[in-house]
C-alpha atoms as a PDB file:
ATOM      1  CA  MET A   1      31.200  -9.871 -19.879  1.00  0.00           C
ATOM      2  CA  GLU A   2      29.295  -7.206 -21.809  1.00  0.00           C
ATOM      3  CA  LEU A   3      32.474  -6.140 -23.630  1.00  0.00           C
ATOM      4  CA  ASP A   4      32.863  -9.664 -25.010  1.00  0.00           C
ATOM      5  CA  ARG A   5      29.284  -9.568 -26.209  1.00  0.00           C
ATOM      6  CA  ALA A   6      29.889  -6.197 -27.891  1.00  0.00           C
ATOM      7  CA  ARG A   7      32.982  -7.554 -29.657  1.00  0.00           C
ATOM      8  CA  GLU A   8      30.977 -10.482 -30.982  1.00  0.00           C
ATOM      9  CA  ASP A   9      28.237  -8.135 -32.215  1.00  0.00           C
ATOM     10  CA  VAL A  10      30.767  -5.922 -33.990  1.00  0.00           C
ATOM     11  CA  PHE A  11      32.452  -8.954 -35.555  1.00  0.00           C
ATOM     12  CA  VAL A  12      29.214 -10.322 -37.003  1.00  0.00           C
ATOM     13  CA  ALA A  13      28.120  -6.832 -38.112  1.00  0.00           C
ATOM     14  CA  ALA A  14      31.441  -6.208 -39.868  1.00  0.00           C
ATOM     15  CA  VAL A  15      31.344  -9.527 -41.716  1.00  0.00           C
ATOM     16  CA  ALA A  16      27.746  -8.948 -42.804  1.00  0.00           C
ATOM     17  CA  ALA A  17      28.535  -5.405 -43.933  1.00  0.00           C
ATOM     18  CA  LEU A  18      31.578  -6.530 -45.903  1.00  0.00           C
ATOM     19  CA  GLY A  19      29.521  -9.274 -47.526  1.00  0.00           C
ATOM     20  CA  THR A  20      26.866  -6.765 -48.516  1.00  0.00           C
ATOM     21  CA  VAL A  21      29.451  -4.381 -49.961  1.00  0.00           C
ATOM     22  CA  ALA A  22      31.174  -7.227 -51.819  1.00  0.00           C
ATOM     23  CA  VAL A  23      27.917  -8.372 -53.416  1.00  0.00           C
ATOM     24  CA  THR A  24      27.008  -4.827 -54.418  1.00  0.00           C
ATOM     25  CA  LEU A  25      30.448  -4.113 -55.897  1.00  0.00           C
ATOM     26  CA  ALA A  26      30.478  -7.422 -57.764  1.00  0.00           C
ATOM     27  CA  VAL A  27      27.086  -6.645 -59.268  1.00  0.00           C
ATOM     28  CA  ARG A  28      27.982  -3.089 -60.130  1.00  0.00           C
ATOM     29  CA  PHE A  29      31.500  -3.546 -61.510  1.00  0.00           C
ATOM     30  CA  GLY A  30      31.589  -7.257 -62.302  1.00  0.00           C
ATOM     31  CA  GLY A  31      29.149  -7.127 -65.147  1.00  0.00           C
ATOM     32  CA  LEU A  32      26.574  -9.235 -63.328  1.00  0.00           C
ATOM     33  CA  ALA A  33      22.851  -8.746 -63.690  1.00  0.00           C
ATOM     34  CA  ASP A  34      21.255  -6.833 -60.832  1.00  0.00           C
ATOM     35  CA  PRO A  35      19.412  -9.372 -58.653  1.00  0.00           C
ATOM     36  CA  GLY A  36      17.514  -6.701 -56.759  1.00  0.00           C
ATOM     37  CA  ILE A  37      18.013  -4.818 -53.545  1.00  0.00           C
ATOM     38  CA  LEU A  38      16.765  -7.591 -51.246  1.00  0.00           C
ATOM     39  CA  VAL A  39      19.262 -10.105 -52.596  1.00  0.00           C
ATOM     40  CA  ARG A  40      22.108  -7.607 -52.306  1.00  0.00           C
ATOM     41  CA  LEU A  41      21.148  -6.876 -48.683  1.00  0.00           C
ATOM     42  CA  ALA A  42      20.761 -10.554 -47.721  1.00  0.00           C
ATOM     43  CA  PRO A  43      23.939 -10.693 -45.554  1.00  0.00           C
ATOM     44  CA  LEU A  44      22.544  -7.864 -43.437  1.00  0.00           C
ATOM     45  CA  PHE A  45      19.408  -9.905 -42.830  1.00  0.00           C
ATOM     46  CA  VAL A  46      21.621 -12.590 -41.292  1.00  0.00           C
ATOM     47  CA  TYR A  47      23.038  -9.972 -38.925  1.00  0.00           C
ATOM     48  CA  PHE A  48      19.575  -8.770 -37.934  1.00  0.00           C
ATOM     49  CA  LEU A  49      18.498 -12.358 -37.348  1.00  0.00           C
ATOM     50  CA  TYR A  50      21.580 -12.825 -35.155  1.00  0.00           C
ATOM     51  CA  LEU A  51      20.868  -9.621 -33.280  1.00  0.00           C
ATOM     52  CA  PHE A  52      17.216 -10.330 -32.536  1.00  0.00           C
ATOM     53  CA  THR A  53      17.474 -14.041 -31.768  1.00  0.00           C
ATOM     54  CA  ARG A  54      20.613 -13.776 -29.668  1.00  0.00           C
ATOM     55  CA  SER A  55      18.887 -12.276 -26.647  1.00  0.00           C
ATOM     56  CA  GLY A  56      15.748 -14.429 -26.721  1.00  0.00           C
ATOM     57  CA  LEU A  57      17.120 -17.916 -27.294  1.00  0.00           C
ATOM     58  CA  PRO A  58      18.864 -20.031 -24.697  1.00  0.00           C
ATOM     59  CA  ASP A  59      22.594 -20.506 -25.124  1.00  0.00           C
ATOM     60  CA  LEU A  60      23.011 -23.229 -27.705  1.00  0.00           C
ATOM     61  CA  ARG A  61      26.211 -25.057 -28.539  1.00  0.00           C
ATOM     62  CA  TYR A  62      26.405 -23.796 -32.116  1.00  0.00           C
ATOM     63  CA  ASP A  63      25.121 -20.282 -31.412  1.00  0.00           C
ATOM     64  CA  THR A  64      28.457 -18.507 -31.710  1.00  0.00           C
ATOM     65  CA  ALA A  65      29.527 -15.315 -33.399  1.00  0.00           C
ATOM     66  CA  ARG A  66      31.858 -17.281 -35.660  1.00  0.00           C
ATOM     67  CA  ASN A  67      28.999 -19.432 -36.952  1.00  0.00           C
ATOM     68  CA  TRP A  68      26.775 -16.406 -37.556  1.00  0.00           C
ATOM     69  CA  ALA A  69      29.605 -14.692 -39.443  1.00  0.00           C
ATOM     70  CA  LEU A  70      30.066 -17.841 -41.505  1.00  0.00           C
ATOM     71  CA  ALA A  71      26.336 -17.819 -42.250  1.00  0.00           C
ATOM     72  CA  ALA A  72      26.617 -14.214 -43.471  1.00  0.00           C
ATOM     73  CA  VAL A  73      29.501 -15.184 -45.763  1.00  0.00           C
ATOM     74  CA  LEU A  74      27.564 -18.147 -47.139  1.00  0.00           C
ATOM     75  CA  VAL A  75      24.514 -15.981 -47.790  1.00  0.00           C
ATOM     76  CA  ALA A  76      26.712 -13.437 -49.597  1.00  0.00           C
ATOM     77  CA  LEU A  77      28.153 -16.220 -51.757  1.00  0.00           C
ATOM     78  CA  ALA A  78      24.654 -17.517 -52.462  1.00  0.00           C
ATOM     79  CA  ALA A  79      23.587 -13.992 -53.505  1.00  0.00           C
ATOM     80  CA  LEU A  80      26.575 -13.801 -55.844  1.00  0.00           C
ATOM     81  CA  GLY A  81      25.702 -17.211 -57.241  1.00  0.00           C
ATOM     82  CA  TYR A  82      22.164 -16.089 -57.844  1.00  0.00           C
ATOM     83  CA  ALA A  83      23.407 -12.949 -59.634  1.00  0.00           C
ATOM     84  CA  VAL A  84      25.643 -15.060 -61.854  1.00  0.00           C
ATOM     85  CA  THR A  85      22.737 -17.228 -62.952  1.00  0.00           C
ATOM     86  CA  LEU A  86      20.594 -14.278 -64.044  1.00  0.00           C
END
């Protein structure tokens, strides 16, 4: 049981990390304006929210690793969108 939980944690962490790296590389090499460090790190905040709320909340129907990873991707896309508008 704990191994499944660890796999889910690694999956969400990897997606959030890749989103953070993608936003940073797009800003650095894509010619986008720098939105600031907090916006570039926004996908990692989703992971930390997942990590800290996962143990304290009751098991909810939509509280899955896949949904948290999707949230990290959406936040990364929103950060890129924000950088484009600057």
